[in-house]
Amino acid sequence: MAFREINSKVVEATVAPGLRLFSQRGAMLAYQGEVSFTPNLRGGQGGLVSMIGRRVANEDTPLMTVEGSGTVLFGHGGHDVQVINLSGDTLYVEADRLLAFEGTLEQGTVFLGSQGGVMGMVRGQVSGQGLFTTSLKGHGSVAVMAHGGVIEIPITPQRPVRVDPQAYVAHHGDVRNKLSTALGWRDMVGRGSGEAFQLELSGSGAVYVQASEEKL
């Protein structure tokens, strides 16, 4: 695993020859050793094609390529950081929540409409996440950012999970999502920031939820 959590807001990454990392630009706090940082326009292993849709929608997040030999401390904006380890499956996460990830992972761009049709696009607008989301597939680790920390909630065929779209951070596994109307006590207290909708995730996997409805 390339990342080690130093505290709730900082991770340490080990960089070695042949082990490439990608990070959000401006996320490097300090480093030791012979490490280089270069702007990345390819978007990870997914290549330029994987970023076209996001660039068209102006939803891409600039990345740096991190190479060499040493250790690097990453953090950004004082946000809480969570390390997620992937073992061959796919993580779906918003690009602006990506702090850093291993170059062994294949990056792609997923149109939200493909995950729930029109309602998938509605989800993007309600949550403020836009129409595209980032996918990271393979074996490796990912450091994501959130407000107030992240909790992991298992999803099973018998127990789907419903979350506030604005608290959603990421999910992985064989998971389907759809947006549904939620009529309950939250609609009665006069809050109009999107609680009238719930994001329902079903299948097998896990969803990561932040302890806040704030956007990054």
N, C-alpha and C. Protein backbone atom coordinates (compact mmCIF):
# COMPACT_ATOMS: atom_id res chain seq x y z
N MET A 1 0.86 -1.20 0.00
CA MET A 1 0.00 0.00 0.00
C MET A 1 0.88 1.24 0.00
N ALA A 2 0.62 2.17 -0.90
CA ALA A 2 1.48 3.34 -1.05
C ALA A 2 1.22 4.40 0.00
N PHE A 3 0.02 4.41 0.61
CA PHE A 3 -0.35 5.50 1.50
C PHE A 3 -0.45 5.04 2.96
N ARG A 4 -0.01 5.93 3.85
CA ARG A 4 -0.13 5.69 5.29
C ARG A 4 -0.73 6.94 5.92
N GLU A 5 -1.80 6.75 6.69
CA GLU A 5 -2.47 7.88 7.32
C GLU A 5 -1.64 8.40 8.49
N ILE A 6 -1.21 9.66 8.41
CA ILE A 6 -0.47 10.29 9.49
C ILE A 6 -1.43 10.79 10.57
N ASN A 7 -2.46 11.48 10.14
CA ASN A 7 -3.57 11.87 11.01
C ASN A 7 -4.80 11.98 10.13
N SER A 8 -5.86 12.58 10.63
CA SER A 8 -7.12 12.59 9.88
C SER A 8 -7.06 13.47 8.63
N LYS A 9 -6.02 14.31 8.50
CA LYS A 9 -5.96 15.26 7.39
C LYS A 9 -4.72 15.12 6.51
N VAL A 10 -3.81 14.23 6.86
CA VAL A 10 -2.55 14.09 6.13
C VAL A 10 -2.24 12.62 5.90
N VAL A 11 -1.80 12.29 4.67
CA VAL A 11 -1.31 10.94 4.37
C VAL A 11 0.12 11.03 3.87
N GLU A 12 0.88 9.97 4.17
CA GLU A 12 2.25 9.87 3.67
C GLU A 12 2.28 8.83 2.57
N ALA A 13 2.90 9.19 1.44
CA ALA A 13 3.00 8.27 0.31
C ALA A 13 4.45 7.87 0.12
N THR A 14 4.67 6.59 -0.12
CA THR A 14 6.00 6.08 -0.44
C THR A 14 6.15 6.02 -1.95
N VAL A 15 7.19 6.69 -2.45
CA VAL A 15 7.46 6.71 -3.89
C VAL A 15 8.74 5.92 -4.14
N ALA A 16 8.69 5.01 -5.08
CA ALA A 16 9.84 4.18 -5.41
C ALA A 16 9.98 4.10 -6.92
N PRO A 17 11.18 3.79 -7.42
CA PRO A 17 11.37 3.65 -8.87
C PRO A 17 10.37 2.66 -9.46
N GLY A 18 9.70 3.07 -10.51
CA GLY A 18 8.70 2.21 -11.14
C GLY A 18 7.33 2.29 -10.51
N LEU A 19 7.21 3.03 -9.40
CA LEU A 19 5.92 3.19 -8.72
C LEU A 19 5.47 4.64 -8.88
N ARG A 20 4.57 4.87 -9.80
CA ARG A 20 4.09 6.22 -10.09
C ARG A 20 2.83 6.52 -9.31
N LEU A 21 2.72 7.75 -8.82
CA LEU A 21 1.53 8.21 -8.14
C LEU A 21 0.95 9.40 -8.88
N PHE A 22 -0.35 9.65 -8.67
CA PHE A 22 -0.98 10.85 -9.18
C PHE A 22 -1.63 11.56 -8.00
N SER A 23 -1.54 12.89 -7.99
CA SER A 23 -2.16 13.65 -6.90
C SER A 23 -2.81 14.91 -7.47
N GLN A 24 -3.71 15.47 -6.68
CA GLN A 24 -4.30 16.74 -7.06
C GLN A 24 -3.21 17.81 -6.98
N ARG A 25 -3.19 18.70 -7.95
CA ARG A 25 -2.17 19.76 -7.94
C ARG A 25 -2.33 20.63 -6.70
N GLY A 26 -1.20 20.95 -6.08
CA GLY A 26 -1.22 21.77 -4.88
C GLY A 26 -1.41 20.97 -3.61
N ALA A 27 -1.48 19.63 -3.71
CA ALA A 27 -1.74 18.81 -2.53
C ALA A 27 -0.47 18.40 -1.80
N MET A 28 0.71 18.61 -2.39
CA MET A 28 1.95 18.24 -1.74
C MET A 28 2.25 19.20 -0.59
N LEU A 29 2.46 18.65 0.59
CA LEU A 29 2.78 19.46 1.77
C LEU A 29 4.29 19.49 2.04
N ALA A 30 4.94 18.35 1.90
CA ALA A 30 6.38 18.25 2.12
C ALA A 30 6.85 16.91 1.55
N TYR A 31 8.15 16.81 1.29
CA TYR A 31 8.66 15.52 0.81
C TYR A 31 10.13 15.36 1.18
N GLN A 32 10.58 14.12 1.19
CA GLN A 32 11.98 13.78 1.42
C GLN A 32 12.44 12.85 0.30
N GLY A 33 13.69 13.00 -0.10
CA GLY A 33 14.24 12.15 -1.14
C GLY A 33 14.28 12.82 -2.49
N GLU A 34 14.52 12.03 -3.51
CA GLU A 34 14.58 12.53 -4.88
C GLU A 34 13.24 12.27 -5.56
N VAL A 35 12.35 13.23 -5.44
CA VAL A 35 10.99 13.09 -5.96
C VAL A 35 10.70 14.22 -6.93
N SER A 36 10.07 13.90 -8.06
CA SER A 36 9.70 14.92 -9.04
C SER A 36 8.20 15.03 -9.16
N PHE A 37 7.74 16.24 -9.45
CA PHE A 37 6.32 16.53 -9.61
C PHE A 37 6.13 17.23 -10.95
N THR A 38 5.33 16.65 -11.82
CA THR A 38 5.11 17.23 -13.15
C THR A 38 3.62 17.28 -13.45
N PRO A 39 3.16 18.34 -14.15
CA PRO A 39 1.74 18.41 -14.52
C PRO A 39 1.37 17.21 -15.38
N ASN A 40 0.17 16.70 -15.14
CA ASN A 40 -0.30 15.53 -15.87
C ASN A 40 -1.52 15.90 -16.68
N LEU A 41 -1.46 15.65 -18.00
CA LEU A 41 -2.58 15.95 -18.90
C LEU A 41 -3.26 14.70 -19.42
N ARG A 42 -2.76 13.53 -19.00
CA ARG A 42 -3.28 12.28 -19.55
C ARG A 42 -4.38 11.68 -18.70
N GLY A 43 -4.48 12.10 -17.43
CA GLY A 43 -5.54 11.57 -16.60
C GLY A 43 -5.29 10.14 -16.16
N GLY A 44 -4.05 9.78 -15.80
CA GLY A 44 -3.78 8.43 -15.33
C GLY A 44 -3.74 7.44 -16.47
N GLN A 45 -3.90 6.15 -16.15
CA GLN A 45 -3.82 5.12 -17.18
C GLN A 45 -4.97 5.21 -18.17
N GLY A 46 -6.03 5.92 -17.80
CA GLY A 46 -7.17 6.03 -18.70
C GLY A 46 -6.86 6.86 -19.93
N GLY A 47 -5.81 7.68 -19.88
CA GLY A 47 -5.40 8.45 -21.04
C GLY A 47 -6.26 9.67 -21.28
N LEU A 48 -5.92 10.37 -22.34
CA LEU A 48 -6.59 11.61 -22.67
C LEU A 48 -8.06 11.40 -22.98
N VAL A 49 -8.38 10.28 -23.62
CA VAL A 49 -9.78 10.03 -23.99
C VAL A 49 -10.68 10.01 -22.77
N SER A 50 -10.16 9.47 -21.64
CA SER A 50 -11.00 9.35 -20.45
C SER A 50 -11.35 10.71 -19.87
N MET A 51 -10.61 11.77 -20.25
CA MET A 51 -10.84 13.08 -19.70
C MET A 51 -11.65 13.98 -20.62
N ILE A 52 -11.92 13.54 -21.85
CA ILE A 52 -12.58 14.42 -22.82
C ILE A 52 -13.95 14.87 -22.32
N GLY A 53 -14.77 13.91 -21.88
CA GLY A 53 -16.10 14.28 -21.42
C GLY A 53 -16.06 15.27 -20.28
N ARG A 54 -15.12 15.03 -19.33
CA ARG A 54 -15.05 15.91 -18.18
C ARG A 54 -14.55 17.30 -18.59
N ARG A 55 -13.63 17.37 -19.54
CA ARG A 55 -13.15 18.67 -19.98
C ARG A 55 -14.24 19.44 -20.73
N VAL A 56 -15.04 18.72 -21.51
CA VAL A 56 -16.15 19.37 -22.21
C VAL A 56 -17.09 20.01 -21.22
N ALA A 57 -17.34 19.31 -20.11
CA ALA A 57 -18.25 19.82 -19.09
C ALA A 57 -17.55 20.71 -18.08
N ASN A 58 -16.24 20.96 -18.27
CA ASN A 58 -15.45 21.77 -17.35
C ASN A 58 -15.47 21.20 -15.95
N GLU A 59 -15.39 19.87 -15.84
CA GLU A 59 -15.47 19.22 -14.54
C GLU A 59 -14.20 18.45 -14.21
N ASP A 60 -13.11 18.72 -14.91
CA ASP A 60 -11.89 17.99 -14.63
C ASP A 60 -11.13 18.64 -13.49
N THR A 61 -10.27 17.87 -12.82
CA THR A 61 -9.43 18.36 -11.75
C THR A 61 -7.98 18.13 -12.15
N PRO A 62 -7.14 19.19 -12.21
CA PRO A 62 -5.75 19.02 -12.63
C PRO A 62 -4.99 18.07 -11.71
N LEU A 63 -4.14 17.24 -12.32
CA LEU A 63 -3.37 16.27 -11.58
C LEU A 63 -1.87 16.52 -11.74
N MET A 64 -1.10 15.99 -10.78
CA MET A 64 0.35 15.95 -10.88
C MET A 64 0.79 14.49 -10.95
N THR A 65 1.85 14.24 -11.71
CA THR A 65 2.50 12.93 -11.69
C THR A 65 3.64 13.01 -10.69
N VAL A 66 3.70 12.03 -9.79
CA VAL A 66 4.71 12.01 -8.74
C VAL A 66 5.58 10.78 -8.96
N GLU A 67 6.89 10.99 -9.14
CA GLU A 67 7.81 9.90 -9.42
C GLU A 67 9.13 10.11 -8.67
N GLY A 68 9.90 9.04 -8.55
CA GLY A 68 11.22 9.14 -7.95
C GLY A 68 11.41 8.14 -6.82
N SER A 69 12.10 8.59 -5.77
CA SER A 69 12.38 7.73 -4.62
C SER A 69 12.36 8.57 -3.36
N GLY A 70 11.41 8.29 -2.47
CA GLY A 70 11.30 9.05 -1.24
C GLY A 70 9.91 8.96 -0.64
N THR A 71 9.56 9.91 0.20
CA THR A 71 8.24 9.97 0.82
C THR A 71 7.66 11.36 0.63
N VAL A 72 6.34 11.41 0.49
CA VAL A 72 5.64 12.68 0.26
C VAL A 72 4.45 12.77 1.21
N LEU A 73 4.24 13.94 1.79
CA LEU A 73 3.06 14.20 2.61
C LEU A 73 2.03 14.94 1.76
N PHE A 74 0.80 14.41 1.75
CA PHE A 74 -0.28 15.01 0.98
C PHE A 74 -1.41 15.45 1.91
N GLY A 75 -2.00 16.60 1.59
CA GLY A 75 -3.18 17.10 2.28
C GLY A 75 -3.68 18.29 1.48
N HIS A 76 -4.92 18.67 1.68
CA HIS A 76 -5.46 19.77 0.87
C HIS A 76 -6.64 20.43 1.57
N GLY A 77 -6.51 21.74 1.80
CA GLY A 77 -7.62 22.52 2.32
C GLY A 77 -8.05 22.18 3.73
N GLY A 78 -7.24 21.41 4.45
CA GLY A 78 -7.63 21.00 5.79
C GLY A 78 -8.75 19.97 5.81
N HIS A 79 -9.02 19.35 4.64
CA HIS A 79 -10.10 18.36 4.58
C HIS A 79 -9.66 17.05 5.24
N ASP A 80 -10.62 16.31 5.74
CA ASP A 80 -10.34 14.98 6.27
C ASP A 80 -9.99 14.05 5.11
N VAL A 81 -9.10 13.10 5.37
CA VAL A 81 -8.61 12.20 4.33
C VAL A 81 -8.87 10.75 4.72
N GLN A 82 -9.32 9.96 3.77
CA GLN A 82 -9.58 8.54 3.98
C GLN A 82 -8.86 7.74 2.89
N VAL A 83 -8.14 6.69 3.29
CA VAL A 83 -7.47 5.82 2.32
C VAL A 83 -8.37 4.62 2.04
N ILE A 84 -8.62 4.36 0.76
CA ILE A 84 -9.45 3.24 0.31
C ILE A 84 -8.57 2.31 -0.51
N ASN A 85 -8.57 1.03 -0.17
CA ASN A 85 -7.77 0.04 -0.88
C ASN A 85 -8.65 -0.76 -1.82
N LEU A 86 -8.21 -0.89 -3.08
CA LEU A 86 -8.96 -1.63 -4.08
C LEU A 86 -8.23 -2.93 -4.41
N SER A 87 -8.99 -4.00 -4.55
CA SER A 87 -8.42 -5.32 -4.87
C SER A 87 -9.06 -5.86 -6.13
N GLY A 88 -8.92 -5.12 -7.22
CA GLY A 88 -9.46 -5.56 -8.50
C GLY A 88 -10.81 -5.02 -8.85
N ASP A 89 -11.47 -4.31 -7.92
CA ASP A 89 -12.78 -3.76 -8.24
C ASP A 89 -12.66 -2.31 -8.67
N THR A 90 -13.79 -1.62 -8.78
CA THR A 90 -13.82 -0.26 -9.30
C THR A 90 -14.39 0.68 -8.25
N LEU A 91 -13.71 1.81 -8.06
CA LEU A 91 -14.18 2.86 -7.17
C LEU A 91 -14.73 4.00 -8.02
N TYR A 92 -15.93 4.48 -7.68
CA TYR A 92 -16.52 5.63 -8.34
C TYR A 92 -16.46 6.80 -7.37
N VAL A 93 -15.80 7.88 -7.77
CA VAL A 93 -15.56 9.00 -6.85
C VAL A 93 -15.50 10.30 -7.64
N GLU A 94 -15.93 11.39 -7.01
CA GLU A 94 -15.87 12.69 -7.67
C GLU A 94 -14.42 13.14 -7.78
N ALA A 95 -14.06 13.72 -8.93
CA ALA A 95 -12.67 14.10 -9.19
C ALA A 95 -12.14 15.08 -8.16
N ASP A 96 -12.98 16.03 -7.70
CA ASP A 96 -12.47 17.02 -6.76
C ASP A 96 -12.26 16.45 -5.37
N ARG A 97 -12.70 15.20 -5.14
CA ARG A 97 -12.46 14.54 -3.86
C ARG A 97 -11.20 13.67 -3.88
N LEU A 98 -10.58 13.53 -5.04
CA LEU A 98 -9.37 12.73 -5.15
C LEU A 98 -8.18 13.53 -4.64
N LEU A 99 -7.53 13.04 -3.60
CA LEU A 99 -6.30 13.66 -3.12
C LEU A 99 -5.11 13.06 -3.85
N ALA A 100 -5.03 11.74 -3.90
CA ALA A 100 -3.93 11.05 -4.58
C ALA A 100 -4.34 9.60 -4.81
N PHE A 101 -3.69 8.95 -5.81
CA PHE A 101 -3.96 7.54 -6.05
C PHE A 101 -2.77 6.92 -6.76
N GLU A 102 -2.66 5.60 -6.64
CA GLU A 102 -1.55 4.88 -7.24
C GLU A 102 -1.72 4.77 -8.75
N GLY A 103 -0.58 4.81 -9.46
CA GLY A 103 -0.60 4.73 -10.91
C GLY A 103 -0.95 3.35 -11.43
N THR A 104 -1.05 2.36 -10.56
CA THR A 104 -1.46 1.02 -10.99
C THR A 104 -2.94 0.98 -11.31
N LEU A 105 -3.68 1.99 -10.90
CA LEU A 105 -5.12 2.02 -11.12
C LEU A 105 -5.44 2.66 -12.47
N GLU A 106 -6.41 2.10 -13.15
CA GLU A 106 -6.86 2.62 -14.44
C GLU A 106 -7.97 3.64 -14.21
N GLN A 107 -7.76 4.85 -14.68
CA GLN A 107 -8.72 5.92 -14.47
C GLN A 107 -9.62 6.06 -15.68
N GLY A 108 -10.90 6.30 -15.43
CA GLY A 108 -11.85 6.55 -16.50
C GLY A 108 -12.86 7.59 -16.08
N THR A 109 -13.71 8.00 -17.01
CA THR A 109 -14.77 8.96 -16.75
C THR A 109 -16.11 8.30 -17.05
N VAL A 110 -17.02 8.38 -16.11
CA VAL A 110 -18.33 7.73 -16.25
C VAL A 110 -19.41 8.80 -16.30
N PHE A 111 -20.27 8.72 -17.32
CA PHE A 111 -21.40 9.62 -17.43
C PHE A 111 -22.49 9.16 -16.47
N LEU A 112 -22.94 10.07 -15.60
CA LEU A 112 -23.91 9.68 -14.58
C LEU A 112 -25.20 9.16 -15.17
N GLY A 113 -25.54 9.62 -16.38
CA GLY A 113 -26.76 9.14 -17.00
C GLY A 113 -26.73 7.64 -17.25
N SER A 114 -25.51 7.06 -17.35
CA SER A 114 -25.40 5.63 -17.58
C SER A 114 -25.64 4.83 -16.31
N GLN A 115 -25.67 5.51 -15.17
CA GLN A 115 -25.93 4.84 -13.90
C GLN A 115 -27.29 5.32 -13.38
N GLY A 116 -28.32 4.95 -14.06
CA GLY A 116 -29.65 5.32 -13.63
C GLY A 116 -30.38 6.22 -14.60
N GLY A 117 -29.93 6.27 -15.85
CA GLY A 117 -30.64 7.03 -16.87
C GLY A 117 -30.76 8.50 -16.54
N VAL A 118 -31.91 9.08 -16.84
CA VAL A 118 -32.14 10.50 -16.59
C VAL A 118 -31.98 10.83 -15.12
N MET A 119 -32.41 9.92 -14.24
CA MET A 119 -32.30 10.17 -12.81
C MET A 119 -30.85 10.26 -12.37
N GLY A 120 -29.96 9.58 -13.10
CA GLY A 120 -28.54 9.71 -12.80
C GLY A 120 -28.06 11.13 -13.05
N MET A 121 -28.58 11.75 -14.11
CA MET A 121 -28.22 13.13 -14.39
C MET A 121 -28.83 14.08 -13.36
N VAL A 122 -30.05 13.78 -12.94
CA VAL A 122 -30.68 14.59 -11.90
C VAL A 122 -29.86 14.53 -10.62
N ARG A 123 -29.36 13.33 -10.30
CA ARG A 123 -28.52 13.17 -9.12
C ARG A 123 -27.32 14.10 -9.18
N GLY A 124 -26.69 14.19 -10.34
CA GLY A 124 -25.53 15.06 -10.49
C GLY A 124 -25.86 16.51 -10.22
N GLN A 125 -27.03 16.96 -10.67
CA GLN A 125 -27.41 18.34 -10.47
C GLN A 125 -27.82 18.59 -9.01
N VAL A 126 -28.55 17.66 -8.42
CA VAL A 126 -28.99 17.82 -7.03
C VAL A 126 -27.81 17.84 -6.08
N SER A 127 -26.85 16.96 -6.30
CA SER A 127 -25.72 16.84 -5.39
C SER A 127 -24.64 17.86 -5.69
N GLY A 128 -24.75 18.55 -6.84
CA GLY A 128 -23.72 19.50 -7.22
C GLY A 128 -22.47 18.85 -7.76
N GLN A 129 -22.54 17.56 -8.09
CA GLN A 129 -21.38 16.81 -8.54
C GLN A 129 -21.16 16.89 -10.04
N GLY A 130 -22.09 17.50 -10.78
CA GLY A 130 -21.94 17.56 -12.22
C GLY A 130 -22.46 16.30 -12.88
N LEU A 131 -22.19 16.16 -14.19
CA LEU A 131 -22.74 15.05 -14.96
C LEU A 131 -21.77 13.88 -15.10
N PHE A 132 -20.53 14.04 -14.66
CA PHE A 132 -19.53 12.98 -14.81
C PHE A 132 -18.94 12.62 -13.45
N THR A 133 -18.50 11.40 -13.33
CA THR A 133 -17.79 10.98 -12.14
C THR A 133 -16.56 10.19 -12.58
N THR A 134 -15.58 10.05 -11.71
CA THR A 134 -14.33 9.37 -12.04
C THR A 134 -14.38 7.93 -11.56
N SER A 135 -13.86 7.02 -12.36
CA SER A 135 -13.74 5.62 -11.95
C SER A 135 -12.26 5.26 -11.84
N LEU A 136 -11.91 4.48 -10.83
CA LEU A 136 -10.56 3.97 -10.64
C LEU A 136 -10.66 2.47 -10.46
N LYS A 137 -9.99 1.72 -11.32
CA LYS A 137 -10.16 0.27 -11.37
C LYS A 137 -8.82 -0.44 -11.25
N GLY A 138 -8.81 -1.55 -10.49
CA GLY A 138 -7.62 -2.38 -10.41
C GLY A 138 -7.18 -2.62 -8.98
N HIS A 139 -5.86 -2.79 -8.81
CA HIS A 139 -5.28 -3.05 -7.50
C HIS A 139 -4.44 -1.84 -7.09
N GLY A 140 -4.75 -1.26 -5.97
CA GLY A 140 -4.01 -0.10 -5.49
C GLY A 140 -4.81 0.66 -4.46
N SER A 141 -4.27 1.78 -4.00
CA SER A 141 -4.93 2.56 -2.96
C SER A 141 -5.23 3.97 -3.45
N VAL A 142 -6.25 4.55 -2.83
CA VAL A 142 -6.73 5.88 -3.20
C VAL A 142 -6.92 6.68 -1.92
N ALA A 143 -6.50 7.93 -1.92
CA ALA A 143 -6.76 8.83 -0.79
C ALA A 143 -7.82 9.83 -1.23
N VAL A 144 -8.96 9.84 -0.54
CA VAL A 144 -10.06 10.75 -0.88
C VAL A 144 -10.27 11.75 0.24
N MET A 145 -10.88 12.89 -0.10
CA MET A 145 -11.12 13.96 0.86
C MET A 145 -12.61 14.09 1.16
N ALA A 146 -12.90 14.56 2.36
CA ALA A 146 -14.29 14.75 2.76
C ALA A 146 -14.34 15.75 3.91
N HIS A 147 -15.55 16.23 4.21
CA HIS A 147 -15.78 17.08 5.36
C HIS A 147 -16.20 16.22 6.56
N GLY A 148 -15.53 16.38 7.67
CA GLY A 148 -15.95 15.73 8.90
C GLY A 148 -15.69 14.25 8.97
N GLY A 149 -14.83 13.71 8.13
CA GLY A 149 -14.53 12.29 8.17
C GLY A 149 -15.46 11.47 7.30
N VAL A 150 -15.08 10.22 7.08
CA VAL A 150 -15.82 9.32 6.19
C VAL A 150 -16.15 8.02 6.92
N ILE A 151 -17.35 7.52 6.69
CA ILE A 151 -17.72 6.20 7.20
C ILE A 151 -18.04 5.30 6.01
N GLU A 152 -17.71 4.02 6.14
CA GLU A 152 -17.96 3.03 5.10
C GLU A 152 -19.18 2.21 5.50
N ILE A 153 -20.16 2.14 4.60
CA ILE A 153 -21.39 1.39 4.88
C ILE A 153 -21.49 0.25 3.88
N PRO A 154 -21.52 -1.01 4.35
CA PRO A 154 -21.63 -2.15 3.43
C PRO A 154 -22.97 -2.14 2.70
N ILE A 155 -22.96 -2.59 1.45
CA ILE A 155 -24.18 -2.74 0.66
C ILE A 155 -24.31 -4.22 0.29
N THR A 156 -25.44 -4.83 0.59
CA THR A 156 -25.69 -6.22 0.25
C THR A 156 -27.02 -6.31 -0.51
N PRO A 157 -27.21 -7.41 -1.25
CA PRO A 157 -28.49 -7.55 -1.97
C PRO A 157 -29.70 -7.47 -1.04
N GLN A 158 -29.52 -7.92 0.20
CA GLN A 158 -30.63 -7.91 1.16
C GLN A 158 -30.79 -6.55 1.84
N ARG A 159 -29.72 -5.74 1.83
CA ARG A 159 -29.76 -4.47 2.56
C ARG A 159 -29.21 -3.34 1.70
N PRO A 160 -30.03 -2.77 0.82
CA PRO A 160 -29.59 -1.58 0.08
C PRO A 160 -29.42 -0.41 1.04
N VAL A 161 -28.70 0.61 0.61
CA VAL A 161 -28.42 1.77 1.45
C VAL A 161 -28.95 3.02 0.76
N ARG A 162 -29.57 3.89 1.53
CA ARG A 162 -30.05 5.17 1.02
C ARG A 162 -29.28 6.28 1.72
N VAL A 163 -28.73 7.19 0.93
CA VAL A 163 -27.93 8.27 1.50
C VAL A 163 -28.38 9.61 0.95
N ASP A 164 -28.05 10.66 1.67
CA ASP A 164 -28.26 12.02 1.19
C ASP A 164 -27.26 12.25 0.06
N PRO A 165 -27.70 12.66 -1.14
CA PRO A 165 -26.76 12.84 -2.25
C PRO A 165 -25.62 13.79 -1.93
N GLN A 166 -25.85 14.78 -1.06
CA GLN A 166 -24.82 15.74 -0.74
C GLN A 166 -23.81 15.20 0.27
N ALA A 167 -24.13 14.08 0.91
CA ALA A 167 -23.19 13.45 1.83
C ALA A 167 -22.41 12.33 1.16
N TYR A 168 -22.81 11.97 -0.06
CA TYR A 168 -22.14 10.90 -0.80
C TYR A 168 -20.71 11.30 -1.17
N VAL A 169 -19.77 10.37 -0.98
CA VAL A 169 -18.37 10.60 -1.34
C VAL A 169 -17.94 9.67 -2.48
N ALA A 170 -18.19 8.36 -2.32
CA ALA A 170 -17.74 7.39 -3.32
C ALA A 170 -18.43 6.06 -3.05
N HIS A 171 -18.31 5.13 -4.01
CA HIS A 171 -18.76 3.76 -3.76
C HIS A 171 -17.95 2.81 -4.62
N HIS A 172 -17.95 1.54 -4.24
CA HIS A 172 -17.26 0.53 -5.06
C HIS A 172 -18.05 -0.77 -5.01
N GLY A 173 -17.72 -1.65 -5.94
CA GLY A 173 -18.39 -2.94 -6.02
C GLY A 173 -19.39 -2.98 -7.15
N ASP A 174 -20.16 -4.05 -7.18
CA ASP A 174 -21.21 -4.23 -8.17
C ASP A 174 -22.47 -3.55 -7.65
N VAL A 175 -22.52 -2.24 -7.82
CA VAL A 175 -23.56 -1.42 -7.19
C VAL A 175 -24.33 -0.64 -8.24
N ARG A 176 -25.63 -0.63 -8.10
CA ARG A 176 -26.50 0.20 -8.94
C ARG A 176 -27.03 1.35 -8.09
N ASN A 177 -27.21 2.51 -8.71
CA ASN A 177 -27.75 3.64 -7.94
C ASN A 177 -28.90 4.29 -8.68
N LYS A 178 -29.80 4.83 -7.92
CA LYS A 178 -30.91 5.60 -8.49
C LYS A 178 -31.33 6.65 -7.48
N LEU A 179 -31.89 7.73 -8.01
CA LEU A 179 -32.35 8.82 -7.17
C LEU A 179 -33.85 8.68 -6.96
N SER A 180 -34.28 8.81 -5.71
CA SER A 180 -35.70 8.69 -5.41
C SER A 180 -36.13 9.85 -4.54
N THR A 181 -37.41 10.15 -4.59
CA THR A 181 -37.97 11.22 -3.77
C THR A 181 -38.16 10.73 -2.35
N ALA A 182 -37.74 11.55 -1.40
CA ALA A 182 -37.88 11.20 0.02
C ALA A 182 -38.82 12.20 0.67
N LEU A 183 -39.97 11.73 1.06
CA LEU A 183 -40.93 12.58 1.76
C LEU A 183 -40.96 12.18 3.22
N GLY A 184 -40.43 13.02 4.08
CA GLY A 184 -40.34 12.67 5.49
C GLY A 184 -40.15 13.91 6.33
N TRP A 185 -39.62 13.70 7.53
CA TRP A 185 -39.53 14.79 8.49
C TRP A 185 -38.60 15.90 8.00
N ARG A 186 -37.59 15.56 7.19
CA ARG A 186 -36.66 16.60 6.75
C ARG A 186 -37.36 17.62 5.87
N ASP A 187 -38.36 17.18 5.12
CA ASP A 187 -39.06 18.11 4.25
C ASP A 187 -39.97 19.04 5.06
N MET A 188 -40.23 18.67 6.31
CA MET A 188 -41.15 19.44 7.13
C MET A 188 -40.44 20.54 7.91
N VAL A 189 -39.10 20.54 7.95
CA VAL A 189 -38.40 21.52 8.78
C VAL A 189 -37.89 22.69 7.96
N GLY A 190 -38.23 22.75 6.68
CA GLY A 190 -37.94 23.92 5.88
C GLY A 190 -36.57 23.96 5.26
N ARG A 191 -35.84 22.85 5.28
CA ARG A 191 -34.52 22.84 4.67
C ARG A 191 -34.67 22.49 3.20
N GLY A 192 -34.09 23.31 2.33
CA GLY A 192 -34.29 23.13 0.90
C GLY A 192 -33.03 22.83 0.13
N SER A 193 -32.07 22.15 0.73
CA SER A 193 -30.77 21.93 0.06
C SER A 193 -30.67 20.56 -0.59
N GLY A 194 -31.80 19.90 -0.80
CA GLY A 194 -31.73 18.64 -1.53
C GLY A 194 -32.17 17.43 -0.75
N GLU A 195 -32.63 17.63 0.52
CA GLU A 195 -33.01 16.47 1.31
C GLU A 195 -34.28 15.79 0.80
N ALA A 196 -34.95 16.42 -0.17
CA ALA A 196 -36.14 15.80 -0.72
C ALA A 196 -35.79 14.62 -1.61
N PHE A 197 -34.50 14.39 -1.84
CA PHE A 197 -34.04 13.28 -2.65
C PHE A 197 -33.14 12.36 -1.85
N GLN A 198 -33.21 11.08 -2.15
CA GLN A 198 -32.31 10.10 -1.58
C GLN A 198 -31.61 9.36 -2.71
N LEU A 199 -30.34 9.03 -2.50
CA LEU A 199 -29.61 8.21 -3.44
C LEU A 199 -29.63 6.78 -2.92
N GLU A 200 -30.30 5.89 -3.67
CA GLU A 200 -30.42 4.50 -3.25
C GLU A 200 -29.38 3.64 -3.98
N LEU A 201 -28.56 2.93 -3.21
CA LEU A 201 -27.53 2.07 -3.77
C LEU A 201 -27.83 0.63 -3.40
N SER A 202 -27.87 -0.23 -4.41
CA SER A 202 -28.21 -1.63 -4.18
C SER A 202 -27.20 -2.53 -4.90
N GLY A 203 -27.10 -3.77 -4.46
CA GLY A 203 -26.16 -4.71 -5.04
C GLY A 203 -25.20 -5.22 -3.99
N SER A 204 -23.92 -5.33 -4.34
CA SER A 204 -22.89 -5.81 -3.41
C SER A 204 -21.69 -4.88 -3.48
N GLY A 205 -21.33 -4.30 -2.34
CA GLY A 205 -20.19 -3.39 -2.31
C GLY A 205 -20.22 -2.54 -1.06
N ALA A 206 -19.85 -1.28 -1.18
CA ALA A 206 -19.83 -0.35 -0.06
C ALA A 206 -19.95 1.06 -0.57
N VAL A 207 -20.52 1.94 0.27
CA VAL A 207 -20.61 3.35 -0.04
C VAL A 207 -19.90 4.13 1.06
N TYR A 208 -19.24 5.21 0.67
CA TYR A 208 -18.54 6.06 1.63
C TYR A 208 -19.31 7.38 1.75
N VAL A 209 -19.60 7.74 3.00
CA VAL A 209 -20.43 8.90 3.28
C VAL A 209 -19.69 9.84 4.22
N GLN A 210 -19.74 11.14 3.93
CA GLN A 210 -19.08 12.10 4.82
C GLN A 210 -20.06 12.60 5.87
N ALA A 211 -19.49 13.09 6.98
CA ALA A 211 -20.31 13.53 8.11
C ALA A 211 -20.68 15.00 7.94
N SER A 212 -21.10 15.37 6.73
CA SER A 212 -21.43 16.75 6.44
C SER A 212 -22.13 16.80 5.09
N GLU A 213 -22.87 17.89 4.85
CA GLU A 213 -23.48 18.10 3.55
C GLU A 213 -22.75 19.17 2.76
N GLU A 214 -21.58 19.61 3.28
CA GLU A 214 -20.83 20.67 2.61
C GLU A 214 -20.10 20.13 1.39
N LYS A 215 -19.99 20.97 0.36
CA LYS A 215 -19.21 20.63 -0.82
C LYS A 215 -17.76 21.02 -0.56
N LEU A 216 -16.85 20.37 -1.26
CA LEU A 216 -15.43 20.71 -1.15
C LEU A 216 -15.16 22.00 -1.91
